[in-house]
Every structure is written in C-alpha cells, then in structure tokens.
Amino acid sequence: MSRTEVFAYVTESPEYRLILGIFAGTFFAELTPEDVAARLAATGIELPVDTVAVRLESLRNWGNLEVSASVGAVSTVADYYKRRNRYLITRVGQEVHELVESVLAQVDNVRDVSLGRLDVLAAALEALLRLDVRAASPTTLADAVRAVFDPHRAFSAEITQFFAAINQWQARFDLDESEFAFFSEVLVGYVGERLESLERKARPIGRLLAELEPLIPVVVARARDGLAARVAEAGLTDVQVRSGQGGALADWENLGNWFRGRPGVPSRVATLGRDAVNAVRTLTQNLTRLSRSGVAGSSRRADYLRLASWLDAAARERPQELPRLAGAAFGLFGSRHLGGAPGDEDDPVPSVTSWWTAPTADIPVSLRERGDTTNRGRSGQVADRSVQREHLLARRRAEEEATAAARAELLAAAASDGTLANRTAMSTSALRALQRLLGPAVAAMGPTGEKGEAEADGMRCMVERRAGEATAVSTPAGTLVLHELGIAVMAADA
C-alpha cells in the first residue's frame, strides 16, 4: 500500500468524507456497517448497508480504517461474523481526516497573523535562560523547550500561509467591488502595520537566541522526556517514535534562522518582509491600473459566466434565439468603430469617430503577439539598505536604553511612597521624563482642583496643592521650582 493512498478518498464520493468523519469523532470506537448507516441516517443521509460496507472496505484498503481484532464473547456463528465485521479508524486516518478538513474549511478564508505568539516565545526564551540548564531536571527542561517551540510552530505556519496568500493575490485582475475595496483600503495598510510590528517584536527574540546559543548543546542533550526518551534509553533503534521539536540541534538552528541573520544571509523574517513588500508593491500597481480602467476592467470572467448561462438557457428553452444572442454578444454584424482606452495622457476616442479621421490604434506588444495583457518580467529590486537599517536600529536601541535609564533614575529619586522631596537632585534626562508627566497631571488637576493624576511611559504622576510649600528639583542644567505643589511619582502598576 502506498503512503499516499490514505488521501485517495478525498477525490472520491463525498460519502467517504462523511463516513470517515463519523469514525474521527468517536475516539477510536469500533463500528459495524449497520452502526455507520444508522448514524448517517440520523444526519439525513440514507445509504444502504451494503453500500456502506463497500465504502468501509475501500477505506480499509486505503489505510484509513482497520478491522477490529477483538470479537469478544459470542454465542452463535452469525454473531461471530457480525462482531468480526467491525471497523475503527487508524492513527494515520485520524490525522489525514483532521488535516483535510482543516484545509478545506480554510481554503477561501484569509488567515490572520497573531503576533502575540512572539511575546509568548520571548517570555519562554527568558524563562529558559533563567533556568540552570546543567542542574535542572530533564522534565523541567523539556517543558521549557516545548514552551519555546509551540508558539513558534503556530506563528511560522500562520505567517507563511499569510504571505503565500499575498503572493497569490498580487496577480489578481478579476476583482469585484468588495474585493477591490478589501485590497486597496484594508490589506495594504494592514500588511504595513504587521511588518512594522513583526520587525519590532523579532529583534529581542534574536538577541535572546544569541544569548542562549552557547547553552543549546546542553539543552538538547538533557531535555529528554516522554516516550521518545524511554525508547532511546531502551536502545530500541528499530522503533520509530516522533519526538517533539527542540530535541535536535537542527530544530534550534531553524529557529535561529527565523530571527537571526548571518553575513550575506538575512533572517527568515526579514526575507518574508522583503518579499511581502515586493508583492504589495505589485498589488498596488495592479490596483492602480484597475482603478484607471474601472473595476473588473482587466477581467471579464463574471461577464463570460453570465453569457454562458444565457446561452445554456436559450439552447434549452428558445433555440431560435441563439443566433441573435451570439450576434449581440460577439459583434457578428457589420464592422464599426467600438473605441478603446489609450494611454494615460490621452482621452479615449469616442465610438462615433469615423475610421477615416480616428488616430491609429496603439496595440500593446503583448496583446498583438500573445493575445493577452498580463504584465511580464520581474518588478524592480529593492536597494540593499541593510547598513542604514542597522544604524537606525542601533540609534533606536540607544534611545530606548537612555529612556529606560531616565525612568529608572526618576523612580529611584522618589521616596518609598513616591513623594519627591524638596531639593531632589537628578539628571537632565530624568527631569525631562518628569516634565512629560507633570504637564498632563497639572492639566488633569485644572485651575480649581486639588489633585491631578496622569500616566505615561509606565509611570504614574500625582500632583497635589499644598499651600505655602514648594518643590524644587535640581539638575546640572538648572533648578525647576514648583510653587504650592507636591509631587509623587511611582510605577504605573504599583
């Protein structure tokens, strides 16, 4: 039996999918043809028991089902044959059914990309770094490895399918109004936002993987649990057990290739982003071309389907009308000038213009030689700006580190209850962080209020009127004095 025969039922009668769905939802229960026929009848599908038996035997031959080896206690020969004719789903049949149904259910859907999985992945890497990988138990280490690879497996599947759909969409010319609005108003902006968020979330994961890289051989050697580990300990080399991801160095190398580039080889995330930008650029060009010629101006598929239905109806109901319908549809009458849309800089020539005075029609080379208007060739390559990008990323990281240091200094300068004492000294950057909080807090207090509060950058600032008191904050650049105001600064989650 070929391994691919388990998929043979997909192209056969829909009854096979229904029958296999009954077995897939029974948790490996054993069913006779009579049981299957009864369950089909309960869903409104009537099939003879003999037909069901033939379908079950075909599924058994393909490897989706197998005959039960247990007959239990029997009292008669007829009971024996009845019990022997029981089927249950195989492991491969269960997996194939779930795979086929999931693909068919999502074939026309646009699958979203959940970037929150990258936050889960980063948290799992941080937890693995906090472990003592040389002293932790193999079970604990294996759980930590699974926590890393489970979100990555789901994320990689989602983003690969989404960008594959973008590559497929870039050549679409048969768009209706709703699809045109989706591509032009929603998808282009959504892809841009997703790429920006993806790049921002992927950077810390790459740094965590670089920090973890020296420990990976130890993790792979010690993170062993479950059935695969026991089979390996028993030395059963002939027994094939599929272990989870993260149990081999190749798994970690593949994970690193997603988020870390090498000299001359960008990361998988960067490659997907670049390809998505090129695809969106091509899609935008197609949308611009369609908007100039009118939606569906480059594809007449819907019109041809409508015409085919008219011809079919006329052939069955009014055969005498077929010549008139064909003549009206394909212009089977005297020649006349129908007009056409020229280049962007010219106006279309009206159809009433005589052939004698109309300009020569400009026929594109692709239409004249090949009979189609499909764009050929590749789009222009994007210039390599990796050096500039690295410079901007380094500057952004430096700014983020400086902001975090100023925030930490401001929180450290406050008392345990958050109060800033008079004559508190701090750096100029910490003062700027305080000023960003003071403005909204004072505005919230208003001219007549007693207290005001505001949150920003992970900190909360509270101001309170205090008659006769002043709060001064000293910095190398000067001193900020707040008259009749008390200030308290604390973490936003405090």
Protein backbone atom coordinates (compact mmCIF):
# COMPACT_ATOMS: atom_id res chain seq x y z
CA MET A 1 0.00 0.00 0.00
CA SER A 2 1.37 3.40 -0.97
CA ARG A 3 1.58 6.05 1.73
CA THR A 4 -0.38 8.47 -0.43
CA GLU A 5 -3.37 6.14 -0.74
CA VAL A 6 -4.75 7.44 2.57
CA PHE A 7 -5.67 10.61 0.64
CA ALA A 8 -7.50 8.71 -2.12
CA TYR A 9 -10.92 9.16 -0.51
CA VAL A 10 -10.73 12.95 -0.94
CA THR A 11 -11.29 12.75 -4.70
CA GLU A 12 -13.91 10.02 -4.47
CA SER A 13 -17.57 10.31 -3.49
CA PRO A 14 -18.40 12.80 -0.69
CA GLU A 15 -19.84 9.82 1.20
CA TYR A 16 -16.30 8.76 2.12
CA ARG A 17 -15.66 12.04 3.95
CA LEU A 18 -18.93 11.70 5.84
CA ILE A 19 -18.18 8.12 6.88
CA LEU A 20 -14.63 8.93 7.94
CA GLY A 21 -15.96 11.93 9.88
CA ILE A 22 -18.16 9.58 11.92
CA PHE A 23 -15.15 7.47 12.91
CA ALA A 24 -12.98 10.54 13.59
CA GLY A 25 -15.48 11.83 16.14
CA THR A 26 -15.83 8.57 18.10
CA PHE A 27 -12.41 8.41 19.80
CA PHE A 28 -11.41 5.13 18.11
CA ALA A 29 -14.70 3.33 18.72
CA GLU A 30 -15.47 0.15 16.78
CA LEU A 31 -18.46 0.40 14.42
CA THR A 32 -20.21 -2.06 12.13
CA PRO A 33 -21.69 -1.10 8.74
CA GLU A 34 -25.11 -1.11 10.40
CA ASP A 35 -23.89 1.36 13.04
CA VAL A 36 -22.44 3.68 10.39
CA ALA A 37 -25.62 3.52 8.28
CA ALA A 38 -27.72 4.40 11.34
CA ARG A 39 -25.53 7.39 12.19
CA LEU A 40 -25.68 8.61 8.59
CA ALA A 41 -29.47 8.30 8.65
CA ALA A 42 -29.56 10.41 11.82
CA THR A 43 -27.92 13.23 9.82
CA GLY A 44 -30.43 12.90 6.97
CA ILE A 45 -28.28 10.78 4.61
CA GLU A 46 -29.80 7.45 3.61
CA LEU A 47 -27.36 4.81 2.36
CA PRO A 48 -27.97 1.05 2.07
CA VAL A 49 -25.96 -1.08 4.49
CA ASP A 50 -24.37 -2.92 1.55
CA THR A 51 -23.13 0.37 0.08
CA VAL A 52 -21.77 1.42 3.47
CA ALA A 53 -19.96 -1.92 3.76
CA VAL A 54 -18.31 -1.38 0.36
CA ARG A 55 -17.25 2.14 1.36
CA LEU A 56 -15.79 0.86 4.65
CA GLU A 57 -13.83 -1.85 2.88
CA SER A 58 -12.40 0.72 0.44
CA LEU A 59 -11.30 2.92 3.34
CA ARG A 60 -9.68 -0.13 4.93
CA ASN A 61 -7.77 -0.91 1.74
CA TRP A 62 -6.52 2.69 1.58
CA GLY A 63 -5.30 2.56 5.18
CA ASN A 64 -7.81 4.96 6.75
CA LEU A 65 -9.64 2.20 8.65
CA GLU A 66 -8.74 -1.20 10.02
CA VAL A 67 -10.77 -4.22 11.09
CA SER A 68 -11.02 -4.81 14.82
CA ALA A 69 -9.13 -7.86 16.06
CA SER A 70 -11.39 -8.27 19.09
CA VAL A 71 -14.71 -10.09 18.77
CA GLY A 72 -15.50 -10.51 22.47
CA ALA A 73 -17.79 -13.26 23.75
CA VAL A 74 -20.04 -14.70 21.03
CA SER A 75 -22.82 -17.26 21.28
CA THR A 76 -23.54 -18.07 17.63
CA VAL A 77 -21.68 -18.23 14.34
CA ALA A 78 -23.79 -15.36 12.97
CA ASP A 79 -22.89 -13.26 15.99
CA TYR A 80 -19.22 -14.05 15.38
CA TYR A 81 -19.32 -12.85 11.76
CA LYS A 82 -21.25 -9.76 12.80
CA ARG A 83 -18.74 -8.85 15.50
CA ARG A 84 -15.79 -9.60 13.25
CA ASN A 85 -17.05 -7.06 10.74
CA ARG A 86 -16.23 -4.06 12.95
CA TYR A 87 -14.03 -1.18 11.85
CA LEU A 88 -12.08 1.50 13.68
CA ILE A 89 -10.06 4.44 12.43
CA THR A 90 -6.27 4.23 12.20
CA ARG A 91 -3.86 6.82 13.56
CA VAL A 92 -2.93 7.88 10.03
CA GLY A 93 -6.59 8.02 9.06
CA GLN A 94 -7.36 10.28 12.02
CA GLU A 95 -4.51 12.68 11.18
CA VAL A 96 -5.35 12.74 7.47
CA HIS A 97 -9.03 13.46 8.17
CA GLU A 98 -8.19 16.36 10.51
CA LEU A 99 -5.68 17.76 8.00
CA VAL A 100 -8.06 17.54 5.04
CA GLU A 101 -11.00 19.06 6.91
CA SER A 102 -8.90 21.94 8.26
CA VAL A 103 -7.55 22.74 4.77
CA LEU A 104 -10.97 22.56 3.12
CA ALA A 105 -12.52 24.71 5.85
CA GLN A 106 -9.95 27.50 5.38
CA VAL A 107 -9.27 27.33 1.64
CA ASP A 108 -11.23 30.52 0.91
CA ASN A 109 -10.52 32.31 4.20
CA VAL A 110 -7.94 35.00 4.91
CA ARG A 111 -5.96 33.76 7.91
CA ASP A 112 -4.82 36.44 10.34
CA VAL A 113 -1.36 36.50 11.90
CA SER A 114 -1.25 36.59 15.70
CA LEU A 115 1.94 38.46 16.62
CA GLY A 116 1.12 37.88 20.29
CA ARG A 117 2.74 34.46 19.86
CA LEU A 118 6.09 36.25 19.56
CA ASP A 119 5.57 37.75 23.03
CA VAL A 120 4.91 34.24 24.35
CA LEU A 121 8.03 32.99 22.55
CA ALA A 122 10.18 35.77 24.03
CA ALA A 123 8.85 35.06 27.53
CA ALA A 124 9.60 31.33 27.09
CA LEU A 125 13.19 32.09 25.99
CA GLU A 126 13.67 34.34 29.02
CA ALA A 127 12.36 31.59 31.30
CA LEU A 128 14.75 29.08 29.70
CA LEU A 129 17.67 31.47 30.23
CA ARG A 130 16.78 31.79 33.90
CA LEU A 131 17.00 28.01 34.35
CA ASP A 132 20.23 26.32 35.32
CA VAL A 133 20.25 24.02 32.30
CA ARG A 134 23.03 21.86 33.77
CA ALA A 135 21.21 21.24 37.06
CA ALA A 136 17.50 21.37 36.14
CA SER A 137 15.63 18.09 35.81
CA PRO A 138 15.15 16.74 32.26
CA THR A 139 11.37 17.02 32.61
CA THR A 140 11.53 20.70 33.63
CA LEU A 141 13.97 21.40 30.81
CA ALA A 142 11.79 19.60 28.26
CA ASP A 143 8.72 21.60 29.36
CA ALA A 144 10.70 24.83 28.92
CA VAL A 145 11.80 23.75 25.42
CA ARG A 146 8.22 22.90 24.44
CA ALA A 147 7.11 26.33 25.68
CA VAL A 148 9.60 27.83 23.18
CA PHE A 149 8.72 25.77 20.12
CA ASP A 150 4.92 25.51 20.46
CA PRO A 151 4.23 29.24 19.81
CA HIS A 152 6.92 29.36 17.13
CA ARG A 153 5.38 26.43 15.24
CA ALA A 154 1.95 28.10 15.24
CA PHE A 155 3.42 31.52 14.32
CA SER A 156 5.55 30.18 11.45
CA ALA A 157 2.55 28.34 9.97
CA GLU A 158 0.31 31.43 10.18
CA ILE A 159 2.78 33.93 8.73
CA THR A 160 3.94 31.58 5.94
CA GLN A 161 0.35 30.96 4.82
CA PHE A 162 -0.50 34.67 5.03
CA PHE A 163 2.46 35.77 2.90
CA ALA A 164 1.82 32.93 0.44
CA ALA A 165 -1.71 34.31 0.05
CA ILE A 166 -0.25 37.79 -0.61
CA ASN A 167 1.95 36.35 -3.38
CA GLN A 168 -1.14 34.73 -4.88
CA TRP A 169 -3.21 37.92 -4.64
CA GLN A 170 -0.64 40.10 -6.42
CA ALA A 171 -1.64 38.67 -9.82
CA ARG A 172 -5.39 39.05 -9.36
CA PHE A 173 -7.17 41.00 -12.10
CA ASP A 174 -10.70 39.57 -11.69
CA LEU A 175 -11.72 41.68 -8.68
CA ASP A 176 -15.26 42.67 -7.88
CA GLU A 177 -16.04 45.87 -5.97
CA SER A 178 -15.85 44.30 -2.50
CA GLU A 179 -12.52 42.59 -3.24
CA PHE A 180 -11.14 45.81 -4.73
CA ALA A 181 -12.13 47.69 -1.56
CA PHE A 182 -10.58 44.96 0.61
CA PHE A 183 -7.24 45.05 -1.19
CA SER A 184 -7.00 48.83 -1.60
CA GLU A 185 -8.44 50.04 1.71
CA VAL A 186 -7.65 47.24 4.17
CA LEU A 187 -4.95 44.82 3.09
CA VAL A 188 -2.20 47.24 2.02
CA GLY A 189 -2.34 49.21 5.28
CA TYR A 190 -2.70 46.04 7.35
CA VAL A 191 0.42 44.47 5.84
CA GLY A 192 2.44 47.62 6.53
CA GLU A 193 1.38 47.69 10.18
CA ARG A 194 2.02 43.96 10.59
CA LEU A 195 5.51 44.19 9.08
CA GLU A 196 6.44 47.05 11.40
CA SER A 197 5.17 45.18 14.47
CA LEU A 198 6.86 41.97 13.31
CA GLU A 199 10.24 43.66 12.94
CA ARG A 200 9.91 45.30 16.35
CA LYS A 201 8.99 42.05 18.12
CA ALA A 202 11.58 39.92 16.29
CA ARG A 203 14.61 41.98 17.41
CA PRO A 204 14.54 40.99 21.12
CA ILE A 205 13.94 37.34 20.18
CA GLY A 206 17.10 37.39 18.06
CA ARG A 207 19.09 38.83 21.00
CA LEU A 208 17.71 36.16 23.35
CA LEU A 209 18.63 33.38 20.91
CA ALA A 210 22.16 34.78 20.61
CA GLU A 211 22.46 34.74 24.41
CA LEU A 212 21.12 31.18 24.58
CA GLU A 213 23.28 29.80 21.75
CA PRO A 214 26.22 28.55 23.93
CA LEU A 215 23.78 26.56 26.09
CA ILE A 216 21.88 24.86 23.25
CA PRO A 217 24.05 21.68 23.11
CA VAL A 218 23.48 21.16 26.83
CA VAL A 219 19.74 21.77 26.45
CA VAL A 220 19.47 19.28 23.58
CA ALA A 221 21.46 16.65 25.47
CA ARG A 222 19.45 16.92 28.71
CA ALA A 223 15.90 17.90 27.62
CA ARG A 224 14.58 14.39 27.15
CA ASP A 225 11.26 13.05 28.39
CA GLY A 226 8.23 11.18 27.13
CA LEU A 227 8.03 8.05 25.01
CA ALA A 228 10.86 9.02 22.64
CA ALA A 229 13.31 9.33 25.55
CA ARG A 230 12.31 5.96 27.00
CA VAL A 231 12.68 4.25 23.63
CA ALA A 232 16.15 5.79 23.25
CA GLU A 233 17.16 4.67 26.77
CA ALA A 234 15.98 1.13 25.99
CA GLY A 235 18.15 1.06 22.86
CA LEU A 236 15.25 0.19 20.56
CA THR A 237 16.68 1.57 17.34
CA ASP A 238 14.09 -0.16 15.14
CA VAL A 239 11.15 1.59 16.84
CA GLN A 240 10.39 4.95 15.23
CA VAL A 241 8.91 7.48 17.68
CA ARG A 242 8.46 11.09 16.63
CA SER A 243 9.90 13.38 19.29
CA GLY A 244 8.86 16.97 19.87
CA GLN A 245 10.61 19.96 18.37
CA GLY A 246 13.67 21.23 20.21
CA GLY A 247 15.18 17.80 20.74
CA ALA A 248 17.77 18.22 17.99
CA LEU A 249 20.34 20.88 17.11
CA ALA A 250 18.70 21.27 13.69
CA ASP A 251 15.48 22.46 15.37
CA TRP A 252 17.35 25.23 17.19
CA GLU A 253 19.25 26.14 14.02
CA ASN A 254 15.96 26.50 12.17
CA LEU A 255 14.58 28.66 15.00
CA GLY A 256 17.67 30.87 14.85
CA ASN A 257 17.36 31.24 11.08
CA TRP A 258 13.90 32.72 11.57
CA PHE A 259 15.08 35.61 13.75
CA ARG A 260 18.87 35.91 13.27
CA GLY A 261 20.60 36.68 10.03
CA ARG A 262 24.11 35.71 9.02
CA PRO A 263 26.63 37.65 6.92
CA GLY A 264 25.11 37.74 3.46
CA VAL A 265 22.04 35.73 4.53
CA PRO A 266 19.09 37.66 6.04
CA SER A 267 16.79 36.10 8.60
CA ARG A 268 13.62 34.31 7.50
CA VAL A 269 11.52 37.11 9.00
CA ALA A 270 13.47 39.73 7.02
CA THR A 271 13.14 37.66 3.83
CA LEU A 272 9.38 37.30 4.26
CA GLY A 273 9.08 41.02 4.92
CA ARG A 274 11.05 41.90 1.80
CA ASP A 275 9.01 39.53 -0.36
CA ALA A 276 5.78 40.89 1.13
CA VAL A 277 6.84 44.47 0.32
CA ASN A 278 7.54 43.47 -3.30
CA ALA A 279 4.20 41.65 -3.53
CA VAL A 280 2.29 44.59 -2.05
CA ARG A 281 4.05 46.94 -4.47
CA THR A 282 2.95 44.78 -7.41
CA LEU A 283 -0.55 44.51 -5.96
CA THR A 284 -0.72 48.30 -5.59
CA GLN A 285 0.33 48.75 -9.22
CA ASN A 286 -2.41 46.35 -10.32
CA LEU A 287 -4.98 48.16 -8.17
CA THR A 288 -3.93 51.49 -9.69
CA ARG A 289 -4.29 50.03 -13.18
CA LEU A 290 -7.72 48.62 -12.32
CA SER A 291 -8.88 51.92 -10.86
CA ARG A 292 -7.97 53.70 -14.10
CA SER A 293 -9.75 51.20 -16.32
CA GLY A 294 -12.62 50.52 -13.91
CA VAL A 295 -13.06 47.63 -11.51
CA ALA A 296 -13.05 44.34 -13.40
CA GLY A 297 -11.86 46.19 -16.50
CA SER A 298 -8.99 43.72 -16.91
CA SER A 299 -11.07 40.59 -16.42
CA ARG A 300 -14.41 39.65 -17.97
CA ARG A 301 -14.76 36.34 -16.14
CA ALA A 302 -18.05 37.26 -14.47
CA ASP A 303 -19.45 38.54 -17.77
CA TYR A 304 -18.45 35.36 -19.60
CA LEU A 305 -20.08 33.21 -16.91
CA ARG A 306 -23.27 35.24 -17.22
CA LEU A 307 -23.19 34.92 -21.01
CA ALA A 308 -22.64 31.16 -20.74
CA SER A 309 -25.71 30.84 -18.53
CA TRP A 310 -27.74 32.84 -21.08
CA LEU A 311 -26.58 30.62 -23.94
CA ASP A 312 -27.35 27.48 -21.93
CA ALA A 313 -30.84 28.69 -21.06
CA ALA A 314 -31.52 29.74 -24.67
CA ALA A 315 -30.36 26.36 -26.00
CA ARG A 316 -32.83 24.57 -23.73
CA GLU A 317 -35.80 26.94 -23.89
CA ARG A 318 -35.53 29.15 -27.02
CA PRO A 319 -33.13 27.64 -29.59
CA GLN A 320 -34.32 30.10 -32.24
CA GLU A 321 -32.89 32.98 -30.18
CA LEU A 322 -29.34 31.58 -30.13
CA PRO A 323 -28.19 33.30 -33.38
CA ARG A 324 -29.42 36.70 -32.19
CA LEU A 325 -27.82 36.24 -28.76
CA ALA A 326 -24.49 35.19 -30.28
CA GLY A 327 -24.59 38.07 -32.75
CA ALA A 328 -25.24 40.60 -30.00
CA ALA A 329 -22.58 39.10 -27.71
CA PHE A 330 -19.71 38.71 -30.18
CA GLY A 331 -20.48 41.51 -32.63
CA LEU A 332 -21.41 39.27 -35.56
CA PHE A 333 -22.55 42.18 -37.73
CA GLY A 334 -21.08 44.95 -39.87
CA SER A 335 -17.79 46.46 -38.76
CA ARG A 336 -17.91 49.66 -36.75
CA HIS A 337 -15.52 51.55 -34.51
CA LEU A 338 -16.11 50.49 -30.89
CA GLY A 339 -13.43 52.73 -29.39
CA GLY A 340 -10.80 51.86 -26.80
CA ALA A 341 -8.91 53.19 -23.80
CA PRO A 342 -5.47 54.57 -24.83
CA GLY A 343 -2.61 55.77 -22.61
CA ASP A 344 -2.95 57.89 -19.51
CA GLU A 345 -2.16 61.15 -21.30
CA ASP A 346 -4.87 60.80 -23.97
CA ASP A 347 -8.65 60.72 -23.80
CA PRO A 348 -10.50 57.69 -25.23
CA VAL A 349 -11.59 58.14 -28.83
CA PRO A 350 -15.42 58.28 -28.94
CA SER A 351 -17.11 55.36 -30.69
CA VAL A 352 -18.84 57.79 -33.08
CA THR A 353 -15.48 58.88 -34.54
CA SER A 354 -15.05 57.73 -38.15
CA TRP A 355 -12.27 55.35 -39.05
CA TRP A 356 -11.09 57.93 -41.62
CA THR A 357 -10.36 60.59 -39.00
CA ALA A 358 -9.57 58.46 -35.94
CA PRO A 359 -5.89 58.12 -34.96
CA THR A 360 -4.09 54.83 -35.44
CA ALA A 361 -4.87 52.40 -32.64
CA ASP A 362 -1.88 51.68 -30.39
CA ILE A 363 -1.94 47.93 -29.73
CA PRO A 364 0.38 46.71 -26.93
CA VAL A 365 3.05 44.23 -27.96
CA SER A 366 1.80 41.55 -25.55
CA LEU A 367 -1.72 41.82 -26.95
CA ARG A 368 -0.53 41.88 -30.56
CA GLU A 369 1.86 38.92 -30.25
CA ARG A 370 0.44 36.79 -27.44
CA GLY A 371 -3.19 37.85 -27.20
CA ASP A 372 -3.10 38.83 -23.51
CA THR A 373 -2.32 41.89 -21.39
CA THR A 374 -0.58 40.15 -18.49
CA ASN A 375 2.45 42.01 -17.18
CA ARG A 376 5.65 40.04 -17.65
CA GLY A 377 9.03 40.31 -16.08
CA ARG A 378 10.01 40.89 -12.51
CA SER A 379 9.44 44.04 -10.52
CA GLY A 380 12.41 46.25 -9.75
CA GLN A 381 14.71 45.08 -6.97
CA VAL A 382 14.69 46.95 -3.70
CA ALA A 383 18.01 48.60 -2.91
CA ASP A 384 20.03 46.98 -0.10
CA ARG A 385 19.85 49.40 2.81
CA SER A 386 20.91 46.95 5.49
CA VAL A 387 23.74 49.23 6.71
CA GLN A 388 21.41 52.20 7.09
CA ARG A 389 18.82 49.97 8.75
CA GLU A 390 21.38 48.69 11.27
CA HIS A 391 22.43 52.27 12.01
CA LEU A 392 18.83 53.31 12.65
CA LEU A 393 18.21 50.23 14.78
CA ALA A 394 21.32 50.93 16.85
CA ARG A 395 20.26 54.54 17.35
CA ARG A 396 16.74 53.44 18.31
CA ARG A 397 18.15 50.94 20.83
CA ALA A 398 20.36 53.63 22.33
CA GLU A 399 17.38 55.97 22.66
CA GLU A 400 15.28 53.24 24.28
CA GLU A 401 18.09 52.43 26.74
CA ALA A 402 18.52 56.12 27.61
CA THR A 403 14.76 56.49 28.16
CA ALA A 404 14.68 53.41 30.39
CA ALA A 405 17.66 54.70 32.40
CA ALA A 406 15.99 58.09 32.91
CA ARG A 407 12.77 56.40 34.01
CA ALA A 408 14.65 54.18 36.48
CA GLU A 409 16.54 57.21 37.86
CA LEU A 410 13.30 59.16 38.35
CA LEU A 411 11.66 56.27 40.21
CA ALA A 412 14.79 55.80 42.35
CA ALA A 413 14.82 59.50 43.28
CA ALA A 414 11.32 59.25 44.77
CA ALA A 415 10.64 58.02 48.29
CA SER A 416 9.04 54.65 49.03
CA ASP A 417 5.58 56.24 48.74
CA GLY A 418 6.57 58.01 45.51
CA THR A 419 6.93 61.51 47.02
CA LEU A 420 9.63 63.77 45.57
CA ALA A 421 11.32 65.67 48.38
CA ASN A 422 12.32 69.31 48.08
CA ARG A 423 15.78 69.84 46.56
CA THR A 424 15.81 66.42 44.92
CA ALA A 425 18.79 66.10 42.56
CA MET A 426 18.58 64.23 39.26
CA SER A 427 19.98 64.28 35.74
CA THR A 428 18.62 66.40 32.92
CA SER A 429 17.16 63.35 31.14
CA ALA A 430 15.29 62.31 34.31
CA LEU A 431 13.93 65.86 34.58
CA ARG A 432 12.63 65.64 31.01
CA ALA A 433 10.86 62.40 31.90
CA LEU A 434 9.32 64.16 34.92
CA GLN A 435 8.19 67.10 32.78
CA ARG A 436 6.42 64.73 30.37
CA LEU A 437 4.39 63.51 33.35
CA LEU A 438 3.83 66.89 35.00
CA GLY A 439 2.07 68.52 32.07
CA PRO A 440 -0.84 66.03 31.81
CA ALA A 441 -1.11 65.74 35.61
CA VAL A 442 -1.40 69.51 36.14
CA ALA A 443 -3.87 69.71 33.25
CA ALA A 444 -5.95 66.97 34.88
CA MET A 445 -5.97 68.93 38.15
CA GLY A 446 -7.20 72.09 36.45
CA PRO A 447 -7.30 75.60 37.91
CA THR A 448 -9.69 74.71 40.76
CA GLY A 449 -8.94 71.06 41.55
CA GLU A 450 -6.94 69.80 44.49
CA LYS A 451 -5.31 66.77 42.86
CA GLY A 452 -4.37 65.57 39.42
CA GLU A 453 -3.01 62.33 38.03
CA ALA A 454 -1.53 61.13 34.73
CA GLU A 455 0.22 58.02 33.36
CA ALA A 456 2.89 57.77 30.67
CA ASP A 457 5.91 55.60 29.84
CA GLY A 458 4.97 53.04 32.51
CA MET A 459 4.89 55.63 35.32
CA ARG A 460 2.13 57.42 37.23
CA CYS A 461 2.46 61.01 38.46
CA MET A 462 0.21 62.62 41.07
CA VAL A 463 0.23 66.35 41.94
CA GLU A 464 -1.48 67.93 44.95
CA ARG A 465 -1.93 71.53 46.01
CA ARG A 466 -0.01 72.42 49.21
CA ALA A 467 -0.36 75.99 50.36
CA GLY A 468 2.88 77.65 51.37
CA GLU A 469 5.10 74.80 50.18
CA ALA A 470 7.37 74.47 47.19
CA THR A 471 9.09 71.55 45.49
CA ALA A 472 12.45 72.16 43.82
CA VAL A 473 14.19 69.69 41.50
CA SER A 474 17.89 70.35 40.88
CA THR A 475 19.71 69.31 37.70
CA PRO A 476 23.05 70.24 36.10
CA ALA A 477 21.09 72.45 33.68
CA GLY A 478 19.25 74.36 36.41
CA THR A 479 16.54 74.07 39.05
CA LEU A 480 12.82 73.55 38.48
CA VAL A 481 10.68 75.08 41.28
CA LEU A 482 7.00 74.18 41.64
CA HIS A 483 5.19 76.56 43.99
CA GLU A 484 2.41 75.24 46.23
CA LEU A 485 2.56 71.80 44.61
CA GLY A 486 3.55 68.38 45.92
CA ILE A 487 4.64 65.63 43.52
CA ALA A 488 4.57 61.84 43.78
CA VAL A 489 5.99 59.52 41.09
CA MET A 490 5.67 55.73 41.05
CA ALA A 491 5.46 52.82 38.65
CA ALA A 492 2.13 52.55 36.82
CA ASP A 493 1.47 49.06 38.20
CA ALA A 494 2.39 49.97 41.78
